[in-house]
């Protein structure tokens, strides 16, 4: 399935992430793709912030550009936020433990093209493309039916927030 959305500001990118946050559970992976500055990290930070706020946890949410992975503990699941841009081989992906996280956590992965054969088949892909200075075209793609309801519900919340 494919769904396209026009995001008119960074606030709308954050609102889309916020709409997804309460709907995610163990084993859900979102692959975040787009050029540098497209909003991948902004989306991930907004989603993580929403989840942490829901459990009254105050925590800094740095970009994992140099640490490669940041993890956040929620009540019943961890969130893994990974930036794979600097990886040069698939063995580094295994060293990070992402193969286990795909099963045991919620994963938000930037630059997922670095995953190669480890690319999870049941993931939701969010491609962010800059169309103009503040405009982003967000393309959501998925094959696993688990995402059908999640995407529909998230887009309902997102569209209600915009109205």
N, C-alpha and C. Protein backbone atom coordinates (compact mmCIF):
# COMPACT_ATOMS: atom_id res chain seq x y z
N UNK A 1 0.84 -1.17 0.00
CA UNK A 1 0.00 0.00 0.00
C UNK A 1 0.89 1.24 0.00
N UNK A 2 0.36 2.30 -0.58
CA UNK A 2 1.07 3.57 -0.63
C UNK A 2 0.10 4.69 -0.29
N UNK A 3 0.55 5.61 0.54
CA UNK A 3 -0.23 6.79 0.90
C UNK A 3 0.69 8.00 0.84
N UNK A 4 0.27 9.05 0.15
CA UNK A 4 1.08 10.28 0.05
C UNK A 4 0.40 11.41 0.80
N UNK A 5 1.24 12.24 1.44
CA UNK A 5 0.76 13.37 2.23
C UNK A 5 1.68 14.55 1.95
N UNK A 6 1.11 15.73 1.86
CA UNK A 6 1.92 16.94 1.74
C UNK A 6 2.06 17.56 3.12
N UNK A 7 3.29 17.71 3.58
CA UNK A 7 3.57 18.34 4.87
C UNK A 7 4.03 19.75 4.60
N UNK A 8 3.28 20.73 5.13
CA UNK A 8 3.53 22.13 4.80
C UNK A 8 4.48 22.84 5.75
N UNK A 9 4.93 22.15 6.79
CA UNK A 9 5.84 22.78 7.76
C UNK A 9 6.49 21.69 8.61
N UNK A 10 7.50 22.09 9.36
CA UNK A 10 8.11 21.14 10.30
C UNK A 10 7.12 20.77 11.40
N UNK A 11 6.20 21.68 11.72
CA UNK A 11 5.16 21.37 12.70
C UNK A 11 4.26 20.24 12.21
N UNK A 12 3.96 20.24 10.92
CA UNK A 12 3.14 19.15 10.37
C UNK A 12 3.90 17.84 10.35
N UNK A 13 5.21 17.89 10.12
CA UNK A 13 6.02 16.67 10.21
C UNK A 13 5.95 16.11 11.62
N UNK A 14 6.07 16.99 12.61
CA UNK A 14 5.98 16.57 14.01
C UNK A 14 4.58 16.06 14.34
N UNK A 15 3.55 16.70 13.79
CA UNK A 15 2.17 16.26 14.04
C UNK A 15 1.92 14.87 13.47
N UNK A 16 2.50 14.58 12.32
CA UNK A 16 2.36 13.24 11.75
C UNK A 16 3.01 12.21 12.67
N UNK A 17 4.19 12.52 13.17
CA UNK A 17 4.88 11.62 14.10
C UNK A 17 4.07 11.43 15.38
N UNK A 18 3.53 12.52 15.89
CA UNK A 18 2.72 12.47 17.11
C UNK A 18 1.49 11.60 16.92
N UNK A 19 0.92 11.62 15.72
CA UNK A 19 -0.26 10.80 15.43
C UNK A 19 0.09 9.31 15.43
N UNK A 20 1.28 8.96 15.01
CA UNK A 20 1.70 7.56 14.99
C UNK A 20 2.08 7.04 16.37
N UNK A 21 2.62 7.90 17.22
CA UNK A 21 3.24 7.48 18.48
C UNK A 21 2.39 6.53 19.33
N UNK A 22 1.14 6.85 19.64
CA UNK A 22 0.40 5.96 20.54
C UNK A 22 -0.07 4.66 19.89
N UNK A 23 0.11 4.54 18.59
CA UNK A 23 -0.38 3.38 17.86
C UNK A 23 0.68 2.29 17.69
N UNK A 24 1.92 2.60 18.02
CA UNK A 24 3.01 1.66 17.79
C UNK A 24 3.19 0.72 18.96
N UNK A 25 3.69 -0.48 18.66
CA UNK A 25 3.92 -1.49 19.69
C UNK A 25 5.15 -2.33 19.34
N UNK A 26 5.45 -3.27 20.21
CA UNK A 26 6.61 -4.15 20.03
C UNK A 26 6.63 -4.73 18.62
N UNK A 27 7.78 -4.66 17.99
CA UNK A 27 7.95 -5.23 16.66
C UNK A 27 7.66 -4.28 15.51
N UNK A 28 7.15 -3.09 15.81
CA UNK A 28 6.90 -2.11 14.74
C UNK A 28 8.19 -1.39 14.39
N UNK A 29 8.48 -1.30 13.11
CA UNK A 29 9.66 -0.60 12.62
C UNK A 29 9.24 0.41 11.57
N UNK A 30 9.73 1.64 11.71
CA UNK A 30 9.52 2.67 10.69
C UNK A 30 10.87 3.00 10.09
N UNK A 31 10.96 2.84 8.78
CA UNK A 31 12.18 3.15 8.03
C UNK A 31 12.05 4.57 7.51
N UNK A 32 12.95 5.43 7.93
CA UNK A 32 12.89 6.86 7.59
C UNK A 32 13.93 7.17 6.51
N UNK A 33 13.45 7.55 5.34
CA UNK A 33 14.33 7.82 4.21
C UNK A 33 14.11 9.23 3.68
N UNK A 34 15.15 9.80 3.13
CA UNK A 34 15.08 11.13 2.55
C UNK A 34 16.46 11.75 2.57
N UNK A 35 16.61 12.83 1.85
CA UNK A 35 17.91 13.50 1.80
C UNK A 35 18.23 14.16 3.14
N UNK A 36 19.45 14.61 3.28
CA UNK A 36 19.85 15.36 4.47
C UNK A 36 18.93 16.58 4.58
N UNK A 37 18.36 16.80 5.77
CA UNK A 37 17.48 17.94 6.00
C UNK A 37 16.03 17.71 5.62
N UNK A 38 15.68 16.49 5.23
CA UNK A 38 14.30 16.22 4.81
C UNK A 38 13.33 16.11 5.98
N UNK A 39 13.84 15.84 7.19
CA UNK A 39 12.96 15.77 8.35
C UNK A 39 12.93 14.42 9.05
N UNK A 40 13.84 13.53 8.70
CA UNK A 40 13.86 12.19 9.31
C UNK A 40 14.05 12.27 10.83
N UNK A 41 15.07 12.99 11.25
CA UNK A 41 15.36 13.11 12.68
C UNK A 41 14.26 13.89 13.39
N UNK A 42 13.73 14.91 12.74
CA UNK A 42 12.65 15.70 13.33
C UNK A 42 11.43 14.81 13.59
N UNK A 43 11.08 13.97 12.62
CA UNK A 43 9.97 13.03 12.77
C UNK A 43 10.24 12.10 13.96
N UNK A 44 11.43 11.50 13.99
CA UNK A 44 11.76 10.54 15.06
C UNK A 44 11.72 11.20 16.43
N UNK A 45 12.30 12.38 16.55
CA UNK A 45 12.32 13.08 17.84
C UNK A 45 10.90 13.41 18.31
N UNK A 46 10.04 13.84 17.40
CA UNK A 46 8.66 14.16 17.78
C UNK A 46 7.93 12.91 18.25
N UNK A 47 8.13 11.80 17.57
CA UNK A 47 7.48 10.55 17.96
C UNK A 47 7.98 10.10 19.33
N UNK A 48 9.28 10.12 19.52
CA UNK A 48 9.87 9.70 20.81
C UNK A 48 9.42 10.63 21.93
N UNK A 49 9.42 11.92 21.68
CA UNK A 49 8.99 12.90 22.68
C UNK A 49 7.56 12.64 23.12
N UNK A 50 6.69 12.35 22.16
CA UNK A 50 5.29 12.05 22.48
C UNK A 50 5.19 10.83 23.38
N UNK A 51 5.92 9.77 23.04
CA UNK A 51 5.90 8.55 23.85
C UNK A 51 6.43 8.80 25.26
N UNK A 52 7.51 9.56 25.37
CA UNK A 52 8.07 9.86 26.69
C UNK A 52 7.14 10.75 27.51
N UNK A 53 6.51 11.72 26.86
CA UNK A 53 5.56 12.58 27.57
C UNK A 53 4.38 11.78 28.11
N UNK A 54 3.96 10.76 27.37
CA UNK A 54 2.84 9.93 27.80
C UNK A 54 3.12 9.20 29.10
N UNK A 55 4.39 8.97 29.41
CA UNK A 55 4.73 8.30 30.68
C UNK A 55 5.43 9.28 31.64
N UNK A 56 5.27 10.57 31.36
CA UNK A 56 5.85 11.63 32.20
C UNK A 56 7.36 11.49 32.38
N UNK A 57 8.03 11.07 31.33
CA UNK A 57 9.49 10.95 31.38
C UNK A 57 10.11 12.14 30.65
N UNK A 58 10.97 12.84 31.34
CA UNK A 58 11.68 13.95 30.71
C UNK A 58 13.07 13.45 30.35
N UNK A 59 13.38 13.48 29.08
CA UNK A 59 14.66 12.98 28.64
C UNK A 59 15.10 13.74 27.40
N UNK A 60 16.37 14.02 27.31
CA UNK A 60 16.92 14.65 26.12
C UNK A 60 16.84 13.65 24.96
N UNK A 61 16.54 14.14 23.78
CA UNK A 61 16.42 13.27 22.61
C UNK A 61 17.43 13.73 21.56
N UNK A 62 18.68 13.31 21.72
CA UNK A 62 19.69 13.73 20.75
C UNK A 62 19.59 12.95 19.44
N UNK A 63 20.16 13.50 18.41
CA UNK A 63 20.27 12.78 17.15
C UNK A 63 21.29 11.66 17.32
N UNK A 64 21.01 10.48 16.79
CA UNK A 64 21.97 9.38 16.90
C UNK A 64 23.04 9.39 15.80
N UNK A 65 23.25 10.54 15.17
CA UNK A 65 24.20 10.61 14.07
C UNK A 65 25.57 10.07 14.45
N UNK A 66 26.07 10.41 15.63
CA UNK A 66 27.41 9.97 16.02
C UNK A 66 27.39 8.77 16.96
N UNK A 67 26.32 8.62 17.73
CA UNK A 67 26.22 7.46 18.62
C UNK A 67 25.67 6.25 17.89
N UNK A 68 25.08 6.45 16.74
CA UNK A 68 24.46 5.44 15.88
C UNK A 68 23.11 4.97 16.40
N UNK A 69 22.99 4.71 17.71
CA UNK A 69 21.71 4.25 18.27
C UNK A 69 21.46 4.96 19.59
N UNK A 70 20.24 5.42 19.78
CA UNK A 70 19.77 5.92 21.07
C UNK A 70 18.57 5.05 21.44
N UNK A 71 18.49 4.64 22.70
CA UNK A 71 17.35 3.85 23.15
C UNK A 71 16.61 4.60 24.24
N UNK A 72 15.31 4.37 24.29
CA UNK A 72 14.43 5.04 25.25
C UNK A 72 13.52 3.98 25.86
N UNK A 73 13.46 3.95 27.18
CA UNK A 73 12.63 2.97 27.88
C UNK A 73 11.25 3.54 28.14
N UNK A 74 10.25 2.84 27.64
CA UNK A 74 8.86 3.16 27.96
C UNK A 74 8.39 2.12 28.97
N UNK A 75 7.12 2.12 29.31
CA UNK A 75 6.63 1.17 30.31
C UNK A 75 6.77 -0.28 29.88
N UNK A 76 6.39 -0.60 28.64
CA UNK A 76 6.35 -2.00 28.22
C UNK A 76 7.17 -2.29 26.97
N UNK A 77 7.88 -1.29 26.48
CA UNK A 77 8.66 -1.48 25.25
C UNK A 77 9.74 -0.40 25.19
N UNK A 78 10.82 -0.72 24.54
CA UNK A 78 11.86 0.27 24.29
C UNK A 78 11.71 0.81 22.88
N UNK A 79 12.15 2.04 22.68
CA UNK A 79 12.24 2.61 21.33
C UNK A 79 13.72 2.69 20.98
N UNK A 80 14.06 2.18 19.82
CA UNK A 80 15.42 2.30 19.29
C UNK A 80 15.38 3.30 18.15
N UNK A 81 16.19 4.33 18.24
CA UNK A 81 16.32 5.31 17.15
C UNK A 81 17.74 5.19 16.63
N UNK A 82 17.87 4.76 15.38
CA UNK A 82 19.20 4.54 14.80
C UNK A 82 19.39 5.39 13.56
N UNK A 83 20.60 5.90 13.42
CA UNK A 83 21.00 6.62 12.21
C UNK A 83 22.12 5.79 11.58
N UNK A 84 21.81 5.17 10.46
CA UNK A 84 22.74 4.23 9.84
C UNK A 84 23.63 4.86 8.78
N UNK A 85 23.58 6.17 8.66
CA UNK A 85 24.30 6.87 7.59
C UNK A 85 25.80 6.53 7.56
N UNK A 86 26.41 6.44 8.73
CA UNK A 86 27.86 6.25 8.79
C UNK A 86 28.30 4.79 8.72
N UNK A 87 27.35 3.87 8.64
CA UNK A 87 27.73 2.46 8.57
C UNK A 87 28.30 2.13 7.19
N UNK A 88 29.28 1.25 7.20
CA UNK A 88 29.91 0.88 5.93
C UNK A 88 29.73 -0.59 5.57
N UNK A 89 29.25 -1.40 6.53
CA UNK A 89 29.05 -2.81 6.22
C UNK A 89 27.87 -3.37 7.02
N UNK A 90 27.33 -4.45 6.51
CA UNK A 90 26.21 -5.10 7.17
C UNK A 90 26.61 -5.65 8.54
N UNK A 91 27.85 -6.04 8.71
CA UNK A 91 28.29 -6.57 10.00
C UNK A 91 28.13 -5.53 11.11
N UNK A 92 28.26 -4.25 10.76
CA UNK A 92 28.07 -3.19 11.76
C UNK A 92 26.62 -3.13 12.23
N UNK A 93 25.69 -3.45 11.35
CA UNK A 93 24.27 -3.48 11.72
C UNK A 93 24.04 -4.57 12.76
N UNK A 94 24.64 -5.74 12.54
CA UNK A 94 24.53 -6.83 13.51
C UNK A 94 25.17 -6.45 14.84
N UNK A 95 26.31 -5.77 14.79
CA UNK A 95 27.00 -5.35 16.02
C UNK A 95 26.14 -4.41 16.86
N UNK A 96 25.31 -3.62 16.21
CA UNK A 96 24.42 -2.71 16.94
C UNK A 96 23.29 -3.45 17.64
N UNK A 97 22.99 -4.67 17.23
CA UNK A 97 21.91 -5.45 17.82
C UNK A 97 20.54 -5.16 17.23
N UNK A 98 20.52 -4.56 16.06
CA UNK A 98 19.23 -4.21 15.46
C UNK A 98 18.38 -5.43 15.13
N UNK A 99 19.00 -6.55 14.80
CA UNK A 99 18.23 -7.75 14.48
C UNK A 99 17.36 -8.16 15.65
N UNK A 100 17.85 -8.02 16.87
CA UNK A 100 17.06 -8.32 18.07
C UNK A 100 16.02 -7.23 18.32
N UNK A 101 16.40 -5.99 18.11
CA UNK A 101 15.49 -4.87 18.35
C UNK A 101 14.26 -4.94 17.46
N UNK A 102 14.41 -5.44 16.24
CA UNK A 102 13.26 -5.55 15.33
C UNK A 102 12.14 -6.39 15.95
N UNK A 103 12.50 -7.35 16.78
CA UNK A 103 11.51 -8.22 17.41
C UNK A 103 11.04 -7.71 18.77
N UNK A 104 11.93 -7.02 19.50
CA UNK A 104 11.67 -6.69 20.90
C UNK A 104 11.35 -5.23 21.19
N UNK A 105 11.40 -4.38 20.17
CA UNK A 105 11.28 -2.94 20.42
C UNK A 105 10.50 -2.27 19.29
N UNK A 106 10.28 -0.98 19.45
CA UNK A 106 9.83 -0.12 18.35
C UNK A 106 11.11 0.47 17.76
N UNK A 107 11.28 0.37 16.46
CA UNK A 107 12.51 0.86 15.82
C UNK A 107 12.20 1.98 14.84
N UNK A 108 12.97 3.04 14.93
CA UNK A 108 12.93 4.16 14.00
C UNK A 108 14.32 4.24 13.37
N UNK A 109 14.40 3.96 12.08
CA UNK A 109 15.70 3.82 11.43
C UNK A 109 15.88 4.82 10.31
N UNK A 110 16.86 5.69 10.47
CA UNK A 110 17.21 6.63 9.41
C UNK A 110 18.25 5.99 8.50
N UNK A 111 18.18 6.30 7.22
CA UNK A 111 19.10 5.77 6.21
C UNK A 111 19.02 4.24 6.16
N UNK A 112 17.80 3.72 6.08
CA UNK A 112 17.58 2.28 6.14
C UNK A 112 18.16 1.53 4.94
N UNK A 113 18.52 2.24 3.88
CA UNK A 113 19.13 1.55 2.73
C UNK A 113 20.42 0.85 3.13
N UNK A 114 21.00 1.20 4.27
CA UNK A 114 22.23 0.56 4.75
C UNK A 114 21.96 -0.83 5.34
N UNK A 115 20.68 -1.19 5.48
CA UNK A 115 20.34 -2.48 6.10
C UNK A 115 20.55 -3.66 5.17
N UNK A 116 20.55 -3.44 3.88
CA UNK A 116 20.74 -4.55 2.94
C UNK A 116 19.75 -5.67 3.18
N UNK A 117 20.27 -6.88 3.33
CA UNK A 117 19.41 -8.06 3.51
C UNK A 117 18.67 -8.07 4.84
N UNK A 118 19.05 -7.21 5.77
CA UNK A 118 18.38 -7.15 7.07
C UNK A 118 17.13 -6.27 7.05
N UNK A 119 16.83 -5.67 5.93
CA UNK A 119 15.67 -4.78 5.83
C UNK A 119 14.41 -5.55 6.23
N UNK A 120 13.73 -5.15 7.31
CA UNK A 120 12.55 -5.89 7.76
C UNK A 120 11.41 -5.79 6.75
N UNK A 121 10.85 -6.92 6.40
CA UNK A 121 9.76 -6.96 5.41
C UNK A 121 8.46 -6.40 5.96
N UNK A 122 8.31 -6.42 7.29
CA UNK A 122 7.05 -5.97 7.90
C UNK A 122 7.10 -4.51 8.35
N UNK A 123 8.07 -3.75 7.84
CA UNK A 123 8.24 -2.35 8.27
C UNK A 123 7.35 -1.41 7.47
N UNK A 124 7.13 -0.25 8.04
CA UNK A 124 6.51 0.88 7.35
C UNK A 124 7.65 1.77 6.88
N UNK A 125 7.63 2.15 5.62
CA UNK A 125 8.64 3.06 5.09
C UNK A 125 8.04 4.44 4.95
N UNK A 126 8.74 5.44 5.48
CA UNK A 126 8.35 6.84 5.31
C UNK A 126 9.45 7.53 4.52
N UNK A 127 9.13 7.88 3.28
CA UNK A 127 10.05 8.63 2.43
C UNK A 127 9.67 10.10 2.51
N UNK A 128 10.61 10.94 2.90
CA UNK A 128 10.39 12.38 2.97
C UNK A 128 11.18 13.06 1.86
N UNK A 129 10.47 13.74 0.98
CA UNK A 129 11.12 14.43 -0.14
C UNK A 129 10.84 15.91 -0.05
N UNK A 130 11.90 16.71 -0.13
CA UNK A 130 11.77 18.16 -0.11
C UNK A 130 11.27 18.60 -1.48
N UNK A 131 10.10 19.26 -1.51
CA UNK A 131 9.58 19.75 -2.79
C UNK A 131 9.80 21.24 -2.95
N UNK A 132 9.75 21.96 -1.85
CA UNK A 132 10.07 23.38 -1.79
C UNK A 132 10.69 23.62 -0.42
N UNK A 133 11.04 24.86 -0.13
CA UNK A 133 11.78 25.15 1.10
C UNK A 133 11.17 24.52 2.34
N UNK A 134 9.89 24.74 2.59
CA UNK A 134 9.26 24.20 3.79
C UNK A 134 8.32 23.03 3.50
N UNK A 135 8.15 22.67 2.25
CA UNK A 135 7.22 21.61 1.89
C UNK A 135 7.93 20.27 1.78
N UNK A 136 7.26 19.25 2.30
CA UNK A 136 7.76 17.88 2.20
C UNK A 136 6.64 17.00 1.65
N UNK A 137 6.99 16.14 0.72
CA UNK A 137 6.05 15.10 0.31
C UNK A 137 6.42 13.86 1.11
N UNK A 138 5.48 13.39 1.90
CA UNK A 138 5.69 12.19 2.71
C UNK A 138 4.98 11.04 2.00
N UNK A 139 5.73 10.00 1.71
CA UNK A 139 5.16 8.81 1.09
C UNK A 139 5.30 7.66 2.08
N UNK A 140 4.16 7.12 2.49
CA UNK A 140 4.12 5.97 3.39
C UNK A 140 3.92 4.72 2.54
N UNK A 141 4.77 3.72 2.73
CA UNK A 141 4.66 2.47 1.97
C UNK A 141 4.76 1.29 2.93
N UNK A 142 3.89 0.30 2.71
CA UNK A 142 3.92 -0.89 3.55
C UNK A 142 3.30 -2.06 2.81
N UNK A 143 3.71 -3.26 3.21
CA UNK A 143 3.16 -4.50 2.65
C UNK A 143 2.41 -5.29 3.71
N UNK A 144 2.90 -5.26 4.94
CA UNK A 144 2.30 -6.03 6.02
C UNK A 144 0.97 -5.40 6.43
N UNK A 145 -0.07 -6.21 6.51
CA UNK A 145 -1.42 -5.70 6.83
C UNK A 145 -1.51 -5.11 8.24
N UNK A 146 -0.55 -5.40 9.10
CA UNK A 146 -0.57 -4.80 10.44
C UNK A 146 -0.58 -3.27 10.36
N UNK A 147 -0.01 -2.72 9.28
CA UNK A 147 0.06 -1.27 9.13
C UNK A 147 -1.22 -0.66 8.60
N UNK A 148 -2.12 -1.45 8.02
CA UNK A 148 -3.35 -0.90 7.44
C UNK A 148 -4.10 -0.04 8.45
N UNK A 149 -4.40 -0.60 9.59
CA UNK A 149 -5.15 0.11 10.62
C UNK A 149 -4.32 1.22 11.25
N UNK A 150 -3.05 0.96 11.49
CA UNK A 150 -2.19 1.96 12.12
C UNK A 150 -2.12 3.21 11.26
N UNK A 151 -1.88 3.04 9.96
CA UNK A 151 -1.76 4.19 9.06
C UNK A 151 -3.08 4.94 8.97
N UNK A 152 -4.18 4.22 8.79
CA UNK A 152 -5.50 4.88 8.69
C UNK A 152 -5.79 5.67 9.96
N UNK A 153 -5.56 5.06 11.12
CA UNK A 153 -5.84 5.74 12.39
C UNK A 153 -4.93 6.95 12.60
N UNK A 154 -3.66 6.80 12.26
CA UNK A 154 -2.72 7.93 12.41
C UNK A 154 -3.10 9.08 11.49
N UNK A 155 -3.50 8.77 10.27
CA UNK A 155 -3.86 9.84 9.33
C UNK A 155 -5.16 10.53 9.74
N UNK A 156 -6.08 9.81 10.37
CA UNK A 156 -7.29 10.44 10.90
C UNK A 156 -6.92 11.47 11.96
N UNK A 157 -6.07 11.07 12.89
CA UNK A 157 -5.63 11.99 13.95
C UNK A 157 -4.89 13.17 13.34
N UNK A 158 -3.98 12.90 12.43
CA UNK A 158 -3.19 13.95 11.78
C UNK A 158 -4.09 14.94 11.06
N UNK A 159 -5.04 14.45 10.29
CA UNK A 159 -5.94 15.34 9.54
C UNK A 159 -6.86 16.13 10.46
N UNK A 160 -7.27 15.55 11.58
CA UNK A 160 -8.08 16.28 12.56
C UNK A 160 -7.27 17.39 13.22
N UNK A 161 -5.99 17.13 13.47
CA UNK A 161 -5.12 18.14 14.08
C UNK A 161 -4.91 19.32 13.14
N UNK A 162 -4.84 19.04 11.84
CA UNK A 162 -4.62 20.10 10.85
C UNK A 162 -5.86 20.98 10.69
N UNK A 163 -7.03 20.41 10.93
CA UNK A 163 -8.29 21.14 10.69
C UNK A 163 -8.55 22.20 11.74
